[in-house]
Each structure stands twice: as structure tokens, then as C-alpha cells.
Amino acid sequence: MAKIDKAAYRQRLERITGLFSDIVTHAADQARERCPYRNRRDECTAAFRCRNQRPPAADGAPEQCGHDGIFDYRSAWESEPDAHDRAKSRISRLKQDSRRRRDG
């Protein structure tokens, strides 16, 4: 079995961390402006009535989501709003550190 190069392993791990932190940042940004019950076809998947639901395009089809992207859902499920800012700044620092290590 070949010996694991710790430096190469660390570099790969930092690269993966950078990629995932970009995904997390994008998901957090999207959560601020997109209804969590809206699917990719703009259909409402909520199992309850919502004021943003619009009539379906055809009989038997799911209701359409009429959300316009103006409101922020995060306050509905965050018990500690400052945690989002702390996590976002930590992710930013990790990205900068990873980029600095990659660039040498």
C-alpha cells in the first residue's frame, strides 16, 4: 500500500473545503430570496395553503408558486440570527486561507 502524502492530502482537503464553502454560500444567498417550497418548475410543493400559491396551469397539475423573491425566510427557522453572520464570516476566512495556500 502506498504511503499517503500529508501535504497533498491537506491540499486536496482545502480544495474540497473551498468548493463546499462556495456551495454553502450560494445556498444561504438563495434561501434569502427563494421560497423553500418552490421547485425548479415553479410549482408549489407545500403540503399546506400558502398565500403565494397560484392556480395550476392544467387540471390535476400542482399549484404554481407565485413567490416574487422579495422576502427573507431565514428568520422563520433561525433561533440565533447572529449565527448566520458568524458562519458567513468564518466561511469567508476559510476561503481566503485556502486560496492563499493554493496560490503558494
PDB file of N, CA and C in Angstrom:
ATOM      1  N   MET A   1       0.845  -1.181   0.000  1.00  0.00           N
ATOM      2  CA  MET A   1       0.000   0.000   0.000  1.00  0.00           C
ATOM      3  C   MET A   1       0.888   1.242   0.000  1.00  0.00           C
ATOM      4  N   ALA A   2       0.581   2.176  -0.865  1.00  0.00           N
ATOM      5  CA  ALA A   2       1.372   3.398  -0.981  1.00  0.00           C
ATOM      6  C   ALA A   2       1.152   4.291   0.233  1.00  0.00           C
ATOM      7  N   LYS A   3       2.206   4.982   0.613  1.00  0.00           N
ATOM      8  CA  LYS A   3       2.139   5.891   1.753  1.00  0.00           C
ATOM      9  C   LYS A   3       1.415   7.178   1.343  1.00  0.00           C
ATOM     10  N   ILE A   4       0.623   7.698   2.245  1.00  0.00           N
ATOM     11  CA  ILE A   4      -0.155   8.907   1.955  1.00  0.00           C
ATOM     12  C   ILE A   4       0.717  10.142   2.172  1.00  0.00           C
ATOM     13  N   ASP A   5       0.747  10.988   1.164  1.00  0.00           N
ATOM     14  CA  ASP A   5       1.485  12.244   1.258  1.00  0.00           C
ATOM     15  C   ASP A   5       0.611  13.254   2.009  1.00  0.00           C
ATOM     16  N   LYS A   6       1.036  13.623   3.220  1.00  0.00           N
ATOM     17  CA  LYS A   6       0.218  14.502   4.073  1.00  0.00           C
ATOM     18  C   LYS A   6       0.005  15.885   3.452  1.00  0.00           C
ATOM     19  N   ALA A   7       1.009  16.400   2.787  1.00  0.00           N
ATOM     20  CA  ALA A   7       0.874  17.729   2.174  1.00  0.00           C
ATOM     21  C   ALA A   7      -0.143  17.688   1.027  1.00  0.00           C
ATOM     22  N   ALA A   8      -0.075  16.647   0.216  1.00  0.00           N
ATOM     23  CA  ALA A   8      -1.023  16.519  -0.897  1.00  0.00           C
ATOM     24  C   ALA A   8      -2.437  16.298  -0.359  1.00  0.00           C
ATOM     25  N   TYR A   9      -2.544  15.495   0.693  1.00  0.00           N
ATOM     26  CA  TYR A   9      -3.851  15.257   1.316  1.00  0.00           C
ATOM     27  C   TYR A   9      -4.431  16.570   1.850  1.00  0.00           C
ATOM     28  N   ARG A  10      -3.627  17.348   2.549  1.00  0.00           N
ATOM     29  CA  ARG A  10      -4.076  18.624   3.101  1.00  0.00           C
ATOM     30  C   ARG A  10      -4.506  19.581   1.985  1.00  0.00           C
ATOM     31  N   GLN A  11      -3.748  19.600   0.895  1.00  0.00           N
ATOM     32  CA  GLN A  11      -4.083  20.470  -0.231  1.00  0.00           C
ATOM     33  C   GLN A  11      -5.428  20.068  -0.849  1.00  0.00           C
ATOM     34  N   ARG A  12      -5.652  18.768  -1.013  1.00  0.00           N
ATOM     35  CA  ARG A  12      -6.924  18.303  -1.559  1.00  0.00           C
ATOM     36  C   ARG A  12      -8.080  18.611  -0.614  1.00  0.00           C
ATOM     37  N   LEU A  13      -7.855  18.428   0.667  1.00  0.00           N
ATOM     38  CA  LEU A  13      -8.883  18.720   1.652  1.00  0.00           C
ATOM     39  C   LEU A  13      -9.251  20.208   1.648  1.00  0.00           C
ATOM     40  N   GLU A  14      -8.268  21.074   1.521  1.00  0.00           N
ATOM     41  CA  GLU A  14      -8.524  22.513   1.452  1.00  0.00           C
ATOM     42  C   GLU A  14      -9.290  22.872   0.180  1.00  0.00           C
ATOM     43  N   ARG A  15      -8.965  22.207  -0.908  1.00  0.00           N
ATOM     44  CA  ARG A  15      -9.674  22.465  -2.160  1.00  0.00           C
ATOM     45  C   ARG A  15     -11.139  22.059  -2.041  1.00  0.00           C
ATOM     46  N   ILE A  16     -11.391  20.889  -1.461  1.00  0.00           N
ATOM     47  CA  ILE A  16     -12.767  20.428  -1.259  1.00  0.00           C
ATOM     48  C   ILE A  16     -13.510  21.373  -0.321  1.00  0.00           C
ATOM     49  N   THR A  17     -12.844  21.823   0.732  1.00  0.00           N
ATOM     50  CA  THR A  17     -13.460  22.767   1.669  1.00  0.00           C
ATOM     51  C   THR A  17     -13.836  24.052   0.949  1.00  0.00           C
ATOM     52  N   GLY A  18     -12.964  24.523   0.084  1.00  0.00           N
ATOM     53  CA  GLY A  18     -13.269  25.732  -0.690  1.00  0.00           C
ATOM     54  C   GLY A  18     -14.477  25.542  -1.599  1.00  0.00           C
ATOM     55  N   LEU A  19     -14.543  24.386  -2.244  1.00  0.00           N
ATOM     56  CA  LEU A  19     -15.687  24.104  -3.122  1.00  0.00           C
ATOM     57  C   LEU A  19     -16.989  24.050  -2.327  1.00  0.00           C
ATOM     58  N   PHE A  20     -16.975  23.328  -1.220  1.00  0.00           N
ATOM     59  CA  PHE A  20     -18.194  23.214  -0.420  1.00  0.00           C
ATOM     60  C   PHE A  20     -18.591  24.540   0.212  1.00  0.00           C
ATOM     61  N   SER A  21     -17.622  25.361   0.585  1.00  0.00           N
ATOM     62  CA  SER A  21     -17.975  26.653   1.172  1.00  0.00           C
ATOM     63  C   SER A  21     -18.663  27.539   0.135  1.00  0.00           C
ATOM     64  N   ASP A  22     -18.275  27.425  -1.137  1.00  0.00           N
ATOM     65  CA  ASP A  22     -18.974  28.157  -2.198  1.00  0.00           C
ATOM     66  C   ASP A  22     -20.419  27.680  -2.326  1.00  0.00           C
ATOM     67  N   ILE A  23     -20.619  26.369  -2.221  1.00  0.00           N
ATOM     68  CA  ILE A  23     -21.970  25.807  -2.313  1.00  0.00           C
ATOM     69  C   ILE A  23     -22.820  26.300  -1.145  1.00  0.00           C
ATOM     70  N   VAL A  24     -22.255  26.289   0.049  1.00  0.00           N
ATOM     71  CA  VAL A  24     -22.982  26.736   1.238  1.00  0.00           C
ATOM     72  C   VAL A  24     -23.331  28.216   1.123  1.00  0.00           C
ATOM     73  N   THR A  25     -22.400  29.024   0.657  1.00  0.00           N
ATOM     74  CA  THR A  25     -22.660  30.452   0.492  1.00  0.00           C
ATOM     75  C   THR A  25     -23.780  30.682  -0.517  1.00  0.00           C
ATOM     76  N   HIS A  26     -23.746  29.962  -1.629  1.00  0.00           N
ATOM     77  CA  HIS A  26     -24.790  30.101  -2.645  1.00  0.00           C
ATOM     78  C   HIS A  26     -26.151  29.679  -2.087  1.00  0.00           C
ATOM     79  N   ALA A  27     -26.188  28.587  -1.337  1.00  0.00           N
ATOM     80  CA  ALA A  27     -27.445  28.113  -0.751  1.00  0.00           C
ATOM     81  C   ALA A  27     -27.995  29.137   0.244  1.00  0.00           C
ATOM     82  N   ALA A  28     -27.125  29.739   1.039  1.00  0.00           N
ATOM     83  CA  ALA A  28     -27.577  30.755   2.003  1.00  0.00           C
ATOM     84  C   ALA A  28     -28.125  31.982   1.285  1.00  0.00           C
ATOM     85  N   ASP A  29     -27.454  32.391   0.212  1.00  0.00           N
ATOM     86  CA  ASP A  29     -27.946  33.535  -0.562  1.00  0.00           C
ATOM     87  C   ASP A  29     -29.291  33.222  -1.200  1.00  0.00           C
ATOM     88  N   GLN A  30     -29.426  32.025  -1.731  1.00  0.00           N
ATOM     89  CA  GLN A  30     -30.670  31.641  -2.390  1.00  0.00           C
ATOM     90  C   GLN A  30     -31.811  31.526  -1.376  1.00  0.00           C
ATOM     91  N   ALA A  31     -31.510  31.106  -0.153  1.00  0.00           N
ATOM     92  CA  ALA A  31     -32.544  30.959   0.878  1.00  0.00           C
ATOM     93  C   ALA A  31     -33.156  32.304   1.253  1.00  0.00           C
ATOM     94  N   ARG A  32     -32.432  33.380   1.029  1.00  0.00           N
ATOM     95  CA  ARG A  32     -32.959  34.710   1.345  1.00  0.00           C
ATOM     96  C   ARG A  32     -33.983  35.193   0.333  1.00  0.00           C
ATOM     97  N   GLU A  33     -33.950  34.654  -0.869  1.00  0.00           N
ATOM     98  CA  GLU A  33     -34.803  35.205  -1.922  1.00  0.00           C
ATOM     99  C   GLU A  33     -35.696  34.181  -2.621  1.00  0.00           C
ATOM    100  N   ARG A  34     -35.594  32.927  -2.252  1.00  0.00           N
ATOM    101  CA  ARG A  34     -36.381  31.900  -2.937  1.00  0.00           C
ATOM    102  C   ARG A  34     -37.231  31.136  -1.929  1.00  0.00           C
ATOM    103  N   CYS A  35     -38.487  30.926  -2.266  1.00  0.00           N
ATOM    104  CA  CYS A  35     -39.401  30.164  -1.414  1.00  0.00           C
ATOM    105  C   CYS A  35     -38.867  28.736  -1.273  1.00  0.00           C
ATOM    106  N   PRO A  36     -38.777  28.208  -0.055  1.00  0.00           N
ATOM    107  CA  PRO A  36     -38.241  26.860   0.122  1.00  0.00           C
ATOM    108  C   PRO A  36     -39.158  25.762  -0.418  1.00  0.00           C
ATOM    109  N   TYR A  37     -40.389  26.088  -0.737  1.00  0.00           N
ATOM    110  CA  TYR A  37     -41.333  25.094  -1.249  1.00  0.00           C
ATOM    111  C   TYR A  37     -41.490  25.170  -2.768  1.00  0.00           C
ATOM    112  N   ARG A  38     -40.730  25.999  -3.414  1.00  0.00           N
ATOM    113  CA  ARG A  38     -40.808  26.161  -4.866  1.00  0.00           C
ATOM    114  C   ARG A  38     -39.816  25.222  -5.533  1.00  0.00           C
ATOM    115  N   ASN A  39     -40.294  24.410  -6.473  1.00  0.00           N
ATOM    116  CA  ASN A  39     -39.362  23.505  -7.159  1.00  0.00           C
ATOM    117  C   ASN A  39     -38.834  24.158  -8.438  1.00  0.00           C
ATOM    118  N   ARG A  40     -38.060  23.427  -9.187  1.00  0.00           N
ATOM    119  CA  ARG A  40     -37.413  24.007 -10.376  1.00  0.00           C
ATOM    120  C   ARG A  40     -38.398  24.353 -11.482  1.00  0.00           C
ATOM    121  N   ARG A  41     -39.610  23.823 -11.420  1.00  0.00           N
ATOM    122  CA  ARG A  41     -40.638  24.133 -12.425  1.00  0.00           C
ATOM    123  C   ARG A  41     -41.597  25.212 -11.937  1.00  0.00           C
ATOM    124  N   ASP A  42     -41.234  25.911 -10.863  1.00  0.00           N
ATOM    125  CA  ASP A  42     -42.053  26.960 -10.244  1.00  0.00           C
ATOM    126  C   ASP A  42     -43.372  26.414  -9.710  1.00  0.00           C
ATOM    127  N   GLU A  43     -43.377  25.142  -9.325  1.00  0.00           N
ATOM    128  CA  GLU A  43     -44.553  24.539  -8.722  1.00  0.00           C
ATOM    129  C   GLU A  43     -44.425  24.605  -7.205  1.00  0.00           C
ATOM    130  N   CYS A  44     -45.552  24.758  -6.519  1.00  0.00           N
ATOM    131  CA  CYS A  44     -45.556  24.796  -5.062  1.00  0.00           C
ATOM    132  C   CYS A  44     -45.617  23.366  -4.534  1.00  0.00           C
ATOM    133  N   THR A  45     -44.673  23.003  -3.673  1.00  0.00           N
ATOM    134  CA  THR A  45     -44.644  21.659  -3.099  1.00  0.00           C
ATOM    135  C   THR A  45     -45.105  21.651  -1.650  1.00  0.00           C
ATOM    136  N   ALA A  46     -45.571  22.779  -1.141  1.00  0.00           N
ATOM    137  CA  ALA A  46     -46.024  22.864   0.251  1.00  0.00           C
ATOM    138  C   ALA A  46     -47.248  21.981   0.463  1.00  0.00           C
ATOM    139  N   ALA A  47     -47.298  21.330   1.624  1.00  0.00           N
ATOM    140  CA  ALA A  47     -48.429  20.470   1.961  1.00  0.00           C
ATOM    141  C   ALA A  47     -49.498  21.272   2.707  1.00  0.00           C
ATOM    142  N   PHE A  48     -49.488  22.561   2.557  1.00  0.00           N
ATOM    143  CA  PHE A  48     -50.439  23.451   3.223  1.00  0.00           C
ATOM    144  C   PHE A  48     -50.746  24.612   2.290  1.00  0.00           C
ATOM    145  N   ARG A  49     -51.759  25.352   2.615  1.00  0.00           N
ATOM    146  CA  ARG A  49     -52.113  26.531   1.804  1.00  0.00           C
ATOM    147  C   ARG A  49     -51.102  27.643   2.063  1.00  0.00           C
ATOM    148  N   CYS A  50     -50.764  28.329   1.004  1.00  0.00           N
ATOM    149  CA  CYS A  50     -49.808  29.434   1.082  1.00  0.00           C
ATOM    150  C   CYS A  50     -50.387  30.605   0.298  1.00  0.00           C
ATOM    151  N   ARG A  51     -50.181  31.799   0.788  1.00  0.00           N
ATOM    152  CA  ARG A  51     -50.745  32.964   0.089  1.00  0.00           C
ATOM    153  C   ARG A  51     -50.094  33.213  -1.262  1.00  0.00           C
ATOM    154  N   ASN A  52     -48.966  32.542  -1.516  1.00  0.00           N
ATOM    155  CA  ASN A  52     -48.276  32.720  -2.800  1.00  0.00           C
ATOM    156  C   ASN A  52     -48.675  31.678  -3.838  1.00  0.00           C
ATOM    157  N   GLN A  53     -49.526  30.728  -3.463  1.00  0.00           N
ATOM    158  CA  GLN A  53     -49.937  29.707  -4.421  1.00  0.00           C
ATOM    159  C   GLN A  53     -50.830  30.314  -5.494  1.00  0.00           C
ATOM    160  N   ARG A  54     -50.602  29.891  -6.715  1.00  0.00           N
ATOM    161  CA  ARG A  54     -51.394  30.332  -7.860  1.00  0.00           C
ATOM    162  C   ARG A  54     -52.079  29.110  -8.468  1.00  0.00           C
ATOM    163  N   PRO A  55     -53.174  29.295  -9.169  1.00  0.00           N
ATOM    164  CA  PRO A  55     -53.874  28.142  -9.765  1.00  0.00           C
ATOM    165  C   PRO A  55     -52.953  27.352 -10.698  1.00  0.00           C
ATOM    166  N   PRO A  56     -53.179  26.041 -10.780  1.00  0.00           N
ATOM    167  CA  PRO A  56     -52.341  25.211 -11.662  1.00  0.00           C
ATOM    168  C   PRO A  56     -52.566  25.559 -13.128  1.00  0.00           C
ATOM    169  N   ALA A  57     -51.572  25.241 -13.931  1.00  0.00           N
ATOM    170  CA  ALA A  57     -51.648  25.513 -15.373  1.00  0.00           C
ATOM    171  C   ALA A  57     -52.688  24.621 -16.051  1.00  0.00           C
ATOM    172  N   ALA A  58     -52.897  23.414 -15.523  1.00  0.00           N
ATOM    173  CA  ALA A  58     -53.862  22.469 -16.094  1.00  0.00           C
ATOM    174  C   ALA A  58     -54.539  21.705 -14.959  1.00  0.00           C
ATOM    175  N   ASP A  59     -55.690  21.131 -15.240  1.00  0.00           N
ATOM    176  CA  ASP A  59     -56.392  20.340 -14.229  1.00  0.00           C
ATOM    177  C   ASP A  59     -55.518  19.176 -13.770  1.00  0.00           C
ATOM    178  N   GLY A  60     -55.431  18.983 -12.458  1.00  0.00           N
ATOM    179  CA  GLY A  60     -54.648  17.891 -11.900  1.00  0.00           C
ATOM    180  C   GLY A  60     -53.173  18.208 -11.710  1.00  0.00           C
ATOM    181  N   ALA A  61     -52.733  19.322 -12.242  1.00  0.00           N
ATOM    182  CA  ALA A  61     -51.333  19.720 -12.092  1.00  0.00           C
ATOM    183  C   ALA A  61     -51.147  20.396 -10.734  1.00  0.00           C
ATOM    184  N   PRO A  62     -49.916  20.426 -10.235  1.00  0.00           N
ATOM    185  CA  PRO A  62     -49.668  21.106  -8.958  1.00  0.00           C
ATOM    186  C   PRO A  62     -49.896  22.609  -9.075  1.00  0.00           C
ATOM    187  N   GLU A  63     -50.189  23.229  -7.945  1.00  0.00           N
ATOM    188  CA  GLU A  63     -50.354  24.682  -7.937  1.00  0.00           C
ATOM    189  C   GLU A  63     -49.016  25.332  -8.243  1.00  0.00           C
ATOM    190  N   GLN A  64     -49.061  26.507  -8.824  1.00  0.00           N
ATOM    191  CA  GLN A  64     -47.851  27.244  -9.164  1.00  0.00           C
ATOM    192  C   GLN A  64     -47.440  28.137  -7.994  1.00  0.00           C
ATOM    193  N   CYS A  65     -46.147  28.364  -7.869  1.00  0.00           N
ATOM    194  CA  CYS A  65     -45.642  29.255  -6.819  1.00  0.00           C
ATOM    195  C   CYS A  65     -45.577  30.666  -7.393  1.00  0.00           C
ATOM    196  N   GLY A  66     -46.226  31.584  -6.721  1.00  0.00           N
ATOM    197  CA  GLY A  66     -46.228  32.966  -7.176  1.00  0.00           C
ATOM    198  C   GLY A  66     -45.278  33.850  -6.391  1.00  0.00           C
ATOM    199  N   HIS A  67     -44.364  33.233  -5.665  1.00  0.00           N
ATOM    200  CA  HIS A  67     -43.388  33.990  -4.863  1.00  0.00           C
ATOM    201  C   HIS A  67     -42.534  34.856  -5.775  1.00  0.00           C
ATOM    202  N   ASP A  68     -42.339  36.102  -5.378  1.00  0.00           N
ATOM    203  CA  ASP A  68     -41.622  37.034  -6.249  1.00  0.00           C
ATOM    204  C   ASP A  68     -40.185  37.310  -5.814  1.00  0.00           C
ATOM    205  N   GLY A  69     -39.696  36.645  -4.778  1.00  0.00           N
ATOM    206  CA  GLY A  69     -38.300  36.798  -4.380  1.00  0.00           C
ATOM    207  C   GLY A  69     -38.006  38.008  -3.527  1.00  0.00           C
ATOM    208  N   ILE A  70     -39.000  38.594  -2.887  1.00  0.00           N
ATOM    209  CA  ILE A  70     -38.784  39.823  -2.130  1.00  0.00           C
ATOM    210  C   ILE A  70     -38.522  39.590  -0.649  1.00  0.00           C
ATOM    211  N   PHE A  71     -38.968  38.488  -0.076  1.00  0.00           N
ATOM    212  CA  PHE A  71     -38.844  38.339   1.364  1.00  0.00           C
ATOM    213  C   PHE A  71     -37.773  37.338   1.776  1.00  0.00           C
ATOM    214  N   ASP A  72     -37.437  37.363   3.065  1.00  0.00           N
ATOM    215  CA  ASP A  72     -36.367  36.567   3.642  1.00  0.00           C
ATOM    216  C   ASP A  72     -36.983  35.560   4.609  1.00  0.00           C
ATOM    217  N   TYR A  73     -36.853  34.258   4.310  1.00  0.00           N
ATOM    218  CA  TYR A  73     -37.426  33.211   5.151  1.00  0.00           C
ATOM    219  C   TYR A  73     -36.561  32.868   6.369  1.00  0.00           C
ATOM    220  N   ARG A  74     -35.298  33.250   6.371  1.00  0.00           N
ATOM    221  CA  ARG A  74     -34.379  32.766   7.394  1.00  0.00           C
ATOM    222  C   ARG A  74     -34.855  33.019   8.814  1.00  0.00           C
ATOM    223  N   SER A  75     -35.497  34.131   9.068  1.00  0.00           N
ATOM    224  CA  SER A  75     -35.922  34.442  10.435  1.00  0.00           C
ATOM    225  C   SER A  75     -36.947  33.434  10.942  1.00  0.00           C
ATOM    226  N   ALA A  76     -37.611  32.723  10.070  1.00  0.00           N
ATOM    227  CA  ALA A  76     -38.616  31.748  10.478  1.00  0.00           C
ATOM    228  C   ALA A  76     -37.985  30.526  11.141  1.00  0.00           C
ATOM    229  N   TRP A  77     -36.754  30.173  10.784  1.00  0.00           N
ATOM    230  CA  TRP A  77     -36.170  28.981  11.376  1.00  0.00           C
ATOM    231  C   TRP A  77     -34.887  29.233  12.146  1.00  0.00           C
ATOM    232  N   GLU A  78     -34.385  30.456  12.175  1.00  0.00           N
ATOM    233  CA  GLU A  78     -33.176  30.744  12.940  1.00  0.00           C
ATOM    234  C   GLU A  78     -33.537  31.204  14.342  1.00  0.00           C
ATOM    235  N   SER A  79     -32.980  30.540  15.344  1.00  0.00           N
ATOM    236  CA  SER A  79     -33.224  30.962  16.717  1.00  0.00           C
ATOM    237  C   SER A  79     -32.158  31.958  17.173  1.00  0.00           C
ATOM    238  N   GLU A  80     -31.046  32.000  16.447  1.00  0.00           N
ATOM    239  CA  GLU A  80     -29.970  32.920  16.785  1.00  0.00           C
ATOM    240  C   GLU A  80     -29.489  33.593  15.489  1.00  0.00           C
ATOM    241  N   PRO A  81     -30.082  34.750  15.133  1.00  0.00           N
ATOM    242  CA  PRO A  81     -29.747  35.391  13.851  1.00  0.00           C
ATOM    243  C   PRO A  81     -28.268  35.731  13.680  1.00  0.00           C
ATOM    244  N   ASP A  82     -27.554  36.016  14.780  1.00  0.00           N
ATOM    245  CA  ASP A  82     -26.138  36.357  14.659  1.00  0.00           C
ATOM    246  C   ASP A  82     -25.299  35.164  14.214  1.00  0.00           C
ATOM    247  N   ALA A  83     -25.815  33.959  14.398  1.00  0.00           N
ATOM    248  CA  ALA A  83     -25.073  32.761  13.997  1.00  0.00           C
ATOM    249  C   ALA A  83     -24.824  32.758  12.496  1.00  0.00           C
ATOM    250  N   HIS A  84     -25.771  33.274  11.720  1.00  0.00           N
ATOM    251  CA  HIS A  84     -25.608  33.318  10.260  1.00  0.00           C
ATOM    252  C   HIS A  84     -24.429  34.207   9.890  1.00  0.00           C
ATOM    253  N   ASP A  85     -24.339  35.375  10.515  1.00  0.00           N
ATOM    254  CA  ASP A  85     -23.235  36.290  10.214  1.00  0.00           C
ATOM    255  C   ASP A  85     -21.893  35.691  10.629  1.00  0.00           C
ATOM    256  N   ARG A  86     -21.856  35.034  11.786  1.00  0.00           N
ATOM    257  CA  ARG A  86     -20.607  34.406  12.230  1.00  0.00           C
ATOM    258  C   ARG A  86     -20.195  33.291  11.272  1.00  0.00           C
ATOM    259  N   ALA A  87     -21.139  32.470  10.857  1.00  0.00           N
ATOM    260  CA  ALA A  87     -20.825  31.378   9.928  1.00  0.00           C
ATOM    261  C   ALA A  87     -20.353  31.927   8.581  1.00  0.00           C
ATOM    262  N   LYS A  88     -21.014  32.983   8.112  1.00  0.00           N
ATOM    263  CA  LYS A  88     -20.633  33.567   6.825  1.00  0.00           C
ATOM    264  C   LYS A  88     -19.213  34.138   6.879  1.00  0.00           C
ATOM    265  N   SER A  89     -18.858  34.814   7.974  1.00  0.00           N
ATOM    266  CA  SER A  89     -17.506  35.364   8.077  1.00  0.00           C
ATOM    267  C   SER A  89     -16.478  34.246   8.227  1.00  0.00           C
ATOM    268  N   ARG A  90     -16.830  33.169   8.928  1.00  0.00           N
ATOM    269  CA  ARG A  90     -15.904  32.037   9.065  1.00  0.00           C
ATOM    270  C   ARG A  90     -15.671  31.378   7.712  1.00  0.00           C
ATOM    271  N   ILE A  91     -16.711  31.194   6.936  1.00  0.00           N
ATOM    272  CA  ILE A  91     -16.573  30.608   5.601  1.00  0.00           C
ATOM    273  C   ILE A  91     -15.696  31.501   4.730  1.00  0.00           C
ATOM    274  N   SER A  92     -15.887  32.807   4.843  1.00  0.00           N
ATOM    275  CA  SER A  92     -15.074  33.746   4.069  1.00  0.00           C
ATOM    276  C   SER A  92     -13.601  33.623   4.444  1.00  0.00           C
ATOM    277  N   ARG A  93     -13.322  33.521   5.750  1.00  0.00           N
ATOM    278  CA  ARG A  93     -11.930  33.359   6.189  1.00  0.00           C
ATOM    279  C   ARG A  93     -11.342  32.047   5.680  1.00  0.00           C
ATOM    280  N   LEU A  94     -12.123  30.967   5.732  1.00  0.00           N
ATOM    281  CA  LEU A  94     -11.643  29.674   5.234  1.00  0.00           C
ATOM    282  C   LEU A  94     -11.327  29.738   3.743  1.00  0.00           C
ATOM    283  N   LYS A  95     -12.187  30.410   2.985  1.00  0.00           N
ATOM    284  CA  LYS A  95     -11.949  30.544   1.549  1.00  0.00           C
ATOM    285  C   LYS A  95     -10.658  31.318   1.285  1.00  0.00           C
ATOM    286  N   GLN A  96     -10.455  32.407   2.025  1.00  0.00           N
ATOM    287  CA  GLN A  96      -9.244  33.205   1.841  1.00  0.00           C
ATOM    288  C   GLN A  96      -8.013  32.409   2.201  1.00  0.00           C
ATOM    289  N   ASP A  97      -8.060  31.671   3.334  1.00  0.00           N
ATOM    290  CA  ASP A  97      -6.922  30.857   3.733  1.00  0.00           C
ATOM    291  C   ASP A  97      -6.619  29.778   2.705  1.00  0.00           C
ATOM    292  N   SER A  98      -7.664  29.115   2.213  1.00  0.00           N
ATOM    293  CA  SER A  98      -7.467  28.072   1.192  1.00  0.00           C
ATOM    294  C   SER A  98      -6.867  28.650  -0.074  1.00  0.00           C
ATOM    295  N   ARG A  99      -7.387  29.795  -0.510  1.00  0.00           N
ATOM    296  CA  ARG A  99      -6.883  30.433  -1.732  1.00  0.00           C
ATOM    297  C   ARG A  99      -5.411  30.824  -1.554  1.00  0.00           C
ATOM    298  N   ARG A 100      -5.075  31.358  -0.369  1.00  0.00           N
ATOM    299  CA  ARG A 100      -3.704  31.781  -0.105  1.00  0.00           C
ATOM    300  C   ARG A 100      -2.760  30.578  -0.121  1.00  0.00           C
ATOM    301  N   ARG A 101      -3.193  29.460   0.468  1.00  0.00           N
ATOM    302  CA  ARG A 101      -2.357  28.259   0.475  1.00  0.00           C
ATOM    303  C   ARG A 101      -2.194  27.672  -0.920  1.00  0.00           C
ATOM    304  N   ARG A 102      -3.288  27.710  -1.700  1.00  0.00           N
ATOM    305  CA  ARG A 102      -3.217  27.192  -3.070  1.00  0.00           C
ATOM    306  C   ARG A 102      -2.268  28.012  -3.922  1.00  0.00           C
ATOM    307  N   ASP A 103      -2.334  29.314  -3.753  1.00  0.00           N
ATOM    308  CA  ASP A 103      -1.522  30.210  -4.591  1.00  0.00           C
ATOM    309  C   ASP A 103      -0.054  30.208  -4.155  1.00  0.00           C
ATOM    310  N   GLY A 104       0.202  29.671  -2.987  1.00  0.00           N
ATOM    311  CA  GLY A 104       1.576  29.482  -2.578  1.00  0.00           C
ATOM    312  C   GLY A 104       2.111  30.584  -1.751  1.00  0.00           C
TER     313      GLY A 104
END
